[in-house]
């Protein structure tokens, strides 16, 4: 895993005490929860040079790469393998417009930047934390409370490892009901059972039922999309099952859909959990001729040994018979 750092600043003056404390916390994170990690550092052009120098001094012992702000980090590495850290003096719109990271840490450098920012950037982020300018650590548990949750006051002893700083936000779903887009025309993955009044059945239903108990959630499933489409991108709009997800009408779909480039671009996909089997059909060959029935049961070494024995044996018998003298009158008077 690598770390990607975004240092975003306004043209306003930054309180030296504030940024010194946050940069100090950054150094504690690099040697604590993020030890042995690589860094990608992106500076805003307006960030004071003394702040930049102090930051680089804190991370000088850690492998790092400096990129200009606005550079697409996905050109260098997958966003799924990076932790993004943002030092903010205001609610920077550029942070929200970036491709959604998998892991995100926000550090405030001004009192105007509060934990409410988590609601704006927390969508589609697996690991999320916010540290205010007074050192309070927050996260967002969307299925537990709409408000940010306080984890405690920052101290290296309180957050020594990754899991202590980045709580599992989706450990369970607090009996939430997920409304899912489904189409019962995907046997054996999802179809309508003729038993028990035509309920949903299939591999997807078995998976949902297995997960709903431990993760504490319920779900509803549609039998078919209104337009009877799987999901195509037409006129800059998604249709079918994926259209219901894209519009926010449904949370997600559990049908077996092909991962086209357009679908991978606009939707998060789980690892494949189903694979179709393939078989090759060939014309049955004609039966072998009857004369081959004699030699086919024996292997080449057997036939080689047979020839090696029979040739000398026939030669020996020929020589023996040709040199023998037989008297036809022997034994008669």
Foldseek 3Di string as FASTA:
>chain_A
DAAEEEEDEDLDDFDVVLLVVVLVVVLLCCVFANDQHEYEYEYAPNDDPVSVVSNCVSCVVHHYHYDYPPDQCVVPHNLAPYAYEYEDAELDVSLLPHDQHQHYEYEYRHPNDDPVSCVSRVPNHQWYWYAYSQQWIWHDQPLPDRDIDTLGGDDCVQPRHNCSRTPGSQQARQAEEFEAEEAQPAPQAWHFDPPPPTDIHHPLVVVCVVPCVSRVYHYHYDHFFPVRDCWDQDPNAIDTRVNCCVVVVGVYYRGDDDCDPVCVVRDDDDPDPDDDDDDDDDDDDDDDDPVCVVPVVDDPVVVVVVVVPVVVVVVVVVVVVVPDDDDPCPPHD
